[in-house]
Amino acid sequence: MSEVTLKGMTWSHPRGYNPMVACSALWKQRTGVAVEWDKRSLQDFESFPVEELARAYDLIVID
């Protein structure tokens, strides 16, 4: 059986990134599903179309 890995995007601040990484580690232990998180600045979120992010990522955290 192959391992499932999801791609996630969140904002590049410890409040946005660190909890996602911590939760993802617990989620992988429980389910075997990994989540790899990328991060970008809030300004990048404002200037980049959400539709394009949605096509590229399985999970997006928007604050």
PDB file of N, CA and C in Angstrom:
ATOM      1  N   MET A   1       0.844  -1.180   0.000  1.00  0.00           N
ATOM      2  CA  MET A   1       0.000   0.000   0.000  1.00  0.00           C
ATOM      3  C   MET A   1       0.889   1.243   0.000  1.00  0.00           C
ATOM      4  N   SER A   2       0.572   2.212  -0.856  1.00  0.00           N
ATOM      5  CA  SER A   2       1.386   3.420  -0.923  1.00  0.00           C
ATOM      6  C   SER A   2       0.933   4.436   0.118  1.00  0.00           C
ATOM      7  N   GLU A   3       1.883   5.235   0.562  1.00  0.00           N
ATOM      8  CA  GLU A   3       1.600   6.252   1.575  1.00  0.00           C
ATOM      9  C   GLU A   3       0.951   7.466   0.919  1.00  0.00           C
ATOM     10  N   VAL A   4      -0.042   8.021   1.588  1.00  0.00           N
ATOM     11  CA  VAL A   4      -0.721   9.221   1.103  1.00  0.00           C
ATOM     12  C   VAL A   4      -0.047  10.443   1.718  1.00  0.00           C
ATOM     13  N   THR A   5       0.274  11.415   0.877  1.00  0.00           N
ATOM     14  CA  THR A   5       0.836  12.682   1.342  1.00  0.00           C
ATOM     15  C   THR A   5       0.022  13.813   0.738  1.00  0.00           C
ATOM     16  N   LEU A   6      -0.513  14.660   1.605  1.00  0.00           N
ATOM     17  CA  LEU A   6      -1.260  15.834   1.173  1.00  0.00           C
ATOM     18  C   LEU A   6      -0.345  17.045   1.181  1.00  0.00           C
ATOM     19  N   LYS A   7      -0.678  18.036   0.358  1.00  0.00           N
ATOM     20  CA  LYS A   7       0.070  19.294   0.325  1.00  0.00           C
ATOM     21  C   LYS A   7      -0.777  20.374   0.972  1.00  0.00           C
ATOM     22  N   GLY A   8      -0.161  21.114   1.899  1.00  0.00           N
ATOM     23  CA  GLY A   8      -0.865  22.191   2.569  1.00  0.00           C
ATOM     24  C   GLY A   8      -0.137  23.510   2.428  1.00  0.00           C
ATOM     25  N   MET A   9      -0.910  24.601   2.493  1.00  0.00           N
ATOM     26  CA  MET A   9      -0.359  25.958   2.434  1.00  0.00           C
ATOM     27  C   MET A   9      -0.916  26.743   3.610  1.00  0.00           C
ATOM     28  N   THR A  10      -0.039  27.434   4.321  1.00  0.00           N
ATOM     29  CA  THR A  10      -0.445  28.304   5.415  1.00  0.00           C
ATOM     30  C   THR A  10       0.414  29.558   5.385  1.00  0.00           C
ATOM     31  N   TRP A  11       0.170  30.464   6.292  1.00  0.00           N
ATOM     32  CA  TRP A  11       0.938  31.715   6.289  1.00  0.00           C
ATOM     33  C   TRP A  11       2.213  31.559   7.094  1.00  0.00           C
ATOM     34  N   SER A  12       3.220  32.320   6.704  1.00  0.00           N
ATOM     35  CA  SER A  12       4.574  32.161   7.261  1.00  0.00           C
ATOM     36  C   SER A  12       4.754  32.943   8.561  1.00  0.00           C
ATOM     37  N   HIS A  13       4.056  32.502   9.552  1.00  0.00           N
ATOM     38  CA  HIS A  13       4.173  33.060  10.903  1.00  0.00           C
ATOM     39  C   HIS A  13       4.099  31.866  11.846  1.00  0.00           C
ATOM     40  N   PRO A  14       4.835  31.882  12.947  1.00  0.00           N
ATOM     41  CA  PRO A  14       4.793  30.746  13.870  1.00  0.00           C
ATOM     42  C   PRO A  14       3.370  30.364  14.296  1.00  0.00           C
ATOM     43  N   ARG A  15       2.481  31.344  14.426  1.00  0.00           N
ATOM     44  CA  ARG A  15       1.094  31.054  14.809  1.00  0.00           C
ATOM     45  C   ARG A  15       0.344  30.307  13.712  1.00  0.00           C
ATOM     46  N   GLY A  16       0.757  30.507  12.474  1.00  0.00           N
ATOM     47  CA  GLY A  16       0.088  29.841  11.366  1.00  0.00           C
ATOM     48  C   GLY A  16       0.738  28.532  10.970  1.00  0.00           C
ATOM     49  N   TYR A  17       2.053  28.475  11.059  1.00  0.00           N
ATOM     50  CA  TYR A  17       2.794  27.315  10.564  1.00  0.00           C
ATOM     51  C   TYR A  17       3.008  26.234  11.626  1.00  0.00           C
ATOM     52  N   ASN A  18       3.499  26.616  12.786  1.00  0.00           N
ATOM     53  CA  ASN A  18       3.867  25.623  13.806  1.00  0.00           C
ATOM     54  C   ASN A  18       2.710  24.723  14.244  1.00  0.00           C
ATOM     55  N   PRO A  19       1.499  25.254  14.475  1.00  0.00           N
ATOM     56  CA  PRO A  19       0.398  24.364  14.851  1.00  0.00           C
ATOM     57  C   PRO A  19       0.039  23.366  13.751  1.00  0.00           C
ATOM     58  N   MET A  20       0.172  23.774  12.497  1.00  0.00           N
ATOM     59  CA  MET A  20      -0.150  22.869  11.397  1.00  0.00           C
ATOM     60  C   MET A  20       0.847  21.712  11.338  1.00  0.00           C
ATOM     61  N   VAL A  21       2.114  22.017  11.547  1.00  0.00           N
ATOM     62  CA  VAL A  21       3.144  20.975  11.545  1.00  0.00           C
ATOM     63  C   VAL A  21       2.922  20.013  12.715  1.00  0.00           C
ATOM     64  N   ALA A  22       2.616  20.549  13.893  1.00  0.00           N
ATOM     65  CA  ALA A  22       2.387  19.707  15.075  1.00  0.00           C
ATOM     66  C   ALA A  22       1.161  18.814  14.890  1.00  0.00           C
ATOM     67  N   CYS A  23       0.071  19.389  14.417  1.00  0.00           N
ATOM     68  CA  CYS A  23      -1.148  18.595  14.198  1.00  0.00           C
ATOM     69  C   CYS A  23      -0.936  17.535  13.126  1.00  0.00           C
ATOM     70  N   SER A  24      -0.181  17.889  12.103  1.00  0.00           N
ATOM     71  CA  SER A  24       0.070  16.941  11.020  1.00  0.00           C
ATOM     72  C   SER A  24       0.877  15.737  11.490  1.00  0.00           C
ATOM     73  N   ALA A  25       1.794  15.956  12.407  1.00  0.00           N
ATOM     74  CA  ALA A  25       2.573  14.837  12.953  1.00  0.00           C
ATOM     75  C   ALA A  25       1.656  13.867  13.700  1.00  0.00           C
ATOM     76  N   LEU A  26       0.741  14.408  14.502  1.00  0.00           N
ATOM     77  CA  LEU A  26      -0.223  13.556  15.212  1.00  0.00           C
ATOM     78  C   LEU A  26      -1.160  12.860  14.232  1.00  0.00           C
ATOM     79  N   TRP A  27      -1.597  13.570  13.206  1.00  0.00           N
ATOM     80  CA  TRP A  27      -2.491  13.001  12.201  1.00  0.00           C
ATOM     81  C   TRP A  27      -1.823  11.828  11.479  1.00  0.00           C
ATOM     82  N   LYS A  28      -0.541  11.975  11.166  1.00  0.00           N
ATOM     83  CA  LYS A  28       0.175  10.891  10.493  1.00  0.00           C
ATOM     84  C   LYS A  28       0.277   9.665  11.397  1.00  0.00           C
ATOM     85  N   GLN A  29       0.518   9.879  12.693  1.00  0.00           N
ATOM     86  CA  GLN A  29       0.580   8.754  13.632  1.00  0.00           C
ATOM     87  C   GLN A  29      -0.744   8.003  13.683  1.00  0.00           C
ATOM     88  N   ARG A  30      -1.852   8.731  13.653  1.00  0.00           N
ATOM     89  CA  ARG A  30      -3.177   8.110  13.766  1.00  0.00           C
ATOM     90  C   ARG A  30      -3.666   7.486  12.472  1.00  0.00           C
ATOM     91  N   THR A  31      -3.354   8.133  11.344  1.00  0.00           N
ATOM     92  CA  THR A  31      -3.971   7.723  10.082  1.00  0.00           C
ATOM     93  C   THR A  31      -2.991   7.214   9.036  1.00  0.00           C
ATOM     94  N   GLY A  32      -1.708   7.540   9.199  1.00  0.00           N
ATOM     95  CA  GLY A  32      -0.727   7.198   8.179  1.00  0.00           C
ATOM     96  C   GLY A  32      -0.682   8.200   7.032  1.00  0.00           C
ATOM     97  N   VAL A  33      -1.519   9.240   7.095  1.00  0.00           N
ATOM     98  CA  VAL A  33      -1.561  10.268   6.056  1.00  0.00           C
ATOM     99  C   VAL A  33      -0.652  11.423   6.460  1.00  0.00           C
ATOM    100  N   ALA A  34       0.322  11.726   5.624  1.00  0.00           N
ATOM    101  CA  ALA A  34       1.256  12.822   5.892  1.00  0.00           C
ATOM    102  C   ALA A  34       0.738  14.111   5.256  1.00  0.00           C
ATOM    103  N   VAL A  35       1.099  15.230   5.851  1.00  0.00           N
ATOM    104  CA  VAL A  35       0.802  16.543   5.270  1.00  0.00           C
ATOM    105  C   VAL A  35       2.104  17.331   5.234  1.00  0.00           C
ATOM    106  N   GLU A  36       2.486  17.758   4.042  1.00  0.00           N
ATOM    107  CA  GLU A  36       3.673  18.601   3.870  1.00  0.00           C
ATOM    108  C   GLU A  36       3.197  20.039   3.724  1.00  0.00           C
ATOM    109  N   TRP A  37       3.693  20.917   4.597  1.00  0.00           N
ATOM    110  CA  TRP A  37       3.236  22.303   4.629  1.00  0.00           C
ATOM    111  C   TRP A  37       4.218  23.244   3.959  1.00  0.00           C
ATOM    112  N   ASP A  38       3.704  24.078   3.071  1.00  0.00           N
ATOM    113  CA  ASP A  38       4.427  25.221   2.530  1.00  0.00           C
ATOM    114  C   ASP A  38       3.868  26.452   3.224  1.00  0.00           C
ATOM    115  N   LYS A  39       4.602  27.552   3.167  1.00  0.00           N
ATOM    116  CA  LYS A  39       4.116  28.777   3.798  1.00  0.00           C
ATOM    117  C   LYS A  39       4.428  29.973   2.927  1.00  0.00           C
ATOM    118  N   ARG A  40       3.590  30.992   3.055  1.00  0.00           N
ATOM    119  CA  ARG A  40       3.786  32.236   2.315  1.00  0.00           C
ATOM    120  C   ARG A  40       3.328  33.396   3.175  1.00  0.00           C
ATOM    121  N   SER A  41       3.830  34.572   2.876  1.00  0.00           N
ATOM    122  CA  SER A  41       3.484  35.752   3.667  1.00  0.00           C
ATOM    123  C   SER A  41       2.015  36.119   3.452  1.00  0.00           C
ATOM    124  N   LEU A  42       1.467  36.883   4.387  1.00  0.00           N
ATOM    125  CA  LEU A  42       0.090  37.348   4.224  1.00  0.00           C
ATOM    126  C   LEU A  42      -0.041  38.206   2.973  1.00  0.00           C
ATOM    127  N   GLN A  43       0.989  38.982   2.671  1.00  0.00           N
ATOM    128  CA  GLN A  43       0.964  39.798   1.455  1.00  0.00           C
ATOM    129  C   GLN A  43       0.878  38.914   0.214  1.00  0.00           C
ATOM    130  N   ASP A  44       1.598  37.800   0.211  1.00  0.00           N
ATOM    131  CA  ASP A  44       1.516  36.865  -0.913  1.00  0.00           C
ATOM    132  C   ASP A  44       0.115  36.279  -1.046  1.00  0.00           C
ATOM    133  N   PHE A  45      -0.543  36.004   0.087  1.00  0.00           N
ATOM    134  CA  PHE A  45      -1.915  35.508   0.033  1.00  0.00           C
ATOM    135  C   PHE A  45      -2.827  36.541  -0.625  1.00  0.00           C
ATOM    136  N   GLU A  46      -2.622  37.830  -0.307  1.00  0.00           N
ATOM    137  CA  GLU A  46      -3.454  38.891  -0.877  1.00  0.00           C
ATOM    138  C   GLU A  46      -3.243  39.041  -2.374  1.00  0.00           C
ATOM    139  N   SER A  47      -2.012  38.881  -2.824  1.00  0.00           N
ATOM    140  CA  SER A  47      -1.699  39.159  -4.225  1.00  0.00           C
ATOM    141  C   SER A  47      -1.796  37.934  -5.136  1.00  0.00           C
ATOM    142  N   PHE A  48      -1.950  36.744  -4.577  1.00  0.00           N
ATOM    143  CA  PHE A  48      -1.976  35.520  -5.380  1.00  0.00           C
ATOM    144  C   PHE A  48      -3.404  34.995  -5.438  1.00  0.00           C
ATOM    145  N   PRO A  49      -3.916  34.648  -6.612  1.00  0.00           N
ATOM    146  CA  PRO A  49      -5.301  34.174  -6.718  1.00  0.00           C
ATOM    147  C   PRO A  49      -5.540  32.887  -5.917  1.00  0.00           C
ATOM    148  N   VAL A  50      -6.568  32.915  -5.086  1.00  0.00           N
ATOM    149  CA  VAL A  50      -6.915  31.749  -4.269  1.00  0.00           C
ATOM    150  C   VAL A  50      -7.246  30.547  -5.156  1.00  0.00           C
ATOM    151  N   GLU A  51      -7.817  30.795  -6.319  1.00  0.00           N
ATOM    152  CA  GLU A  51      -8.161  29.703  -7.233  1.00  0.00           C
ATOM    153  C   GLU A  51      -6.920  28.908  -7.637  1.00  0.00           C
ATOM    154  N   GLU A  52      -5.814  29.598  -7.838  1.00  0.00           N
ATOM    155  CA  GLU A  52      -4.572  28.907  -8.202  1.00  0.00           C
ATOM    156  C   GLU A  52      -4.019  28.113  -7.027  1.00  0.00           C
ATOM    157  N   LEU A  53      -4.111  28.683  -5.827  1.00  0.00           N
ATOM    158  CA  LEU A  53      -3.686  27.934  -4.639  1.00  0.00           C
ATOM    159  C   LEU A  53      -4.530  26.677  -4.478  1.00  0.00           C
ATOM    160  N   ALA A  54      -5.825  26.803  -4.693  1.00  0.00           N
ATOM    161  CA  ALA A  54      -6.731  25.659  -4.535  1.00  0.00           C
ATOM    162  C   ALA A  54      -6.408  24.542  -5.519  1.00  0.00           C
ATOM    163  N   ARG A  55      -5.942  24.894  -6.697  1.00  0.00           N
ATOM    164  CA  ARG A  55      -5.554  23.861  -7.666  1.00  0.00           C
ATOM    165  C   ARG A  55      -4.252  23.168  -7.268  1.00  0.00           C
ATOM    166  N   ALA A  56      -3.385  23.884  -6.564  1.00  0.00           N
ATOM    167  CA  ALA A  56      -2.054  23.357  -6.247  1.00  0.00           C
ATOM    168  C   ALA A  56      -1.974  22.644  -4.900  1.00  0.00           C
ATOM    169  N   TYR A  57      -2.933  22.906  -3.995  1.00  0.00           N
ATOM    170  CA  TYR A  57      -2.848  22.378  -2.628  1.00  0.00           C
ATOM    171  C   TYR A  57      -4.121  21.645  -2.230  1.00  0.00           C
ATOM    172  N   ASP A  58      -3.932  20.632  -1.378  1.00  0.00           N
ATOM    173  CA  ASP A  58      -5.068  19.894  -0.827  1.00  0.00           C
ATOM    174  C   ASP A  58      -5.701  20.637   0.340  1.00  0.00           C
ATOM    175  N   LEU A  59      -4.875  21.340   1.121  1.00  0.00           N
ATOM    176  CA  LEU A  59      -5.331  22.074   2.304  1.00  0.00           C
ATOM    177  C   LEU A  59      -4.774  23.489   2.262  1.00  0.00           C
ATOM    178  N   ILE A  60      -5.611  24.472   2.610  1.00  0.00           N
ATOM    179  CA  ILE A  60      -5.170  25.863   2.683  1.00  0.00           C
ATOM    180  C   ILE A  60      -5.699  26.452   3.980  1.00  0.00           C
ATOM    181  N   VAL A  61      -4.809  27.054   4.767  1.00  0.00           N
ATOM    182  CA  VAL A  61      -5.202  27.727   6.007  1.00  0.00           C
ATOM    183  C   VAL A  61      -5.185  29.223   5.735  1.00  0.00           C
ATOM    184  N   ILE A  62      -6.349  29.848   5.870  1.00  0.00           N
ATOM    185  CA  ILE A  62      -6.481  31.288   5.657  1.00  0.00           C
ATOM    186  C   ILE A  62      -6.952  31.902   6.960  1.00  0.00           C
ATOM    187  N   ASP A  63      -6.223  32.899   7.432  1.00  0.00           N
ATOM    188  CA  ASP A  63      -6.574  33.546   8.694  1.00  0.00           C
ATOM    189  C   ASP A  63      -7.178  34.899   8.407  1.00  0.00           C
TER     190      ASP A  63
END
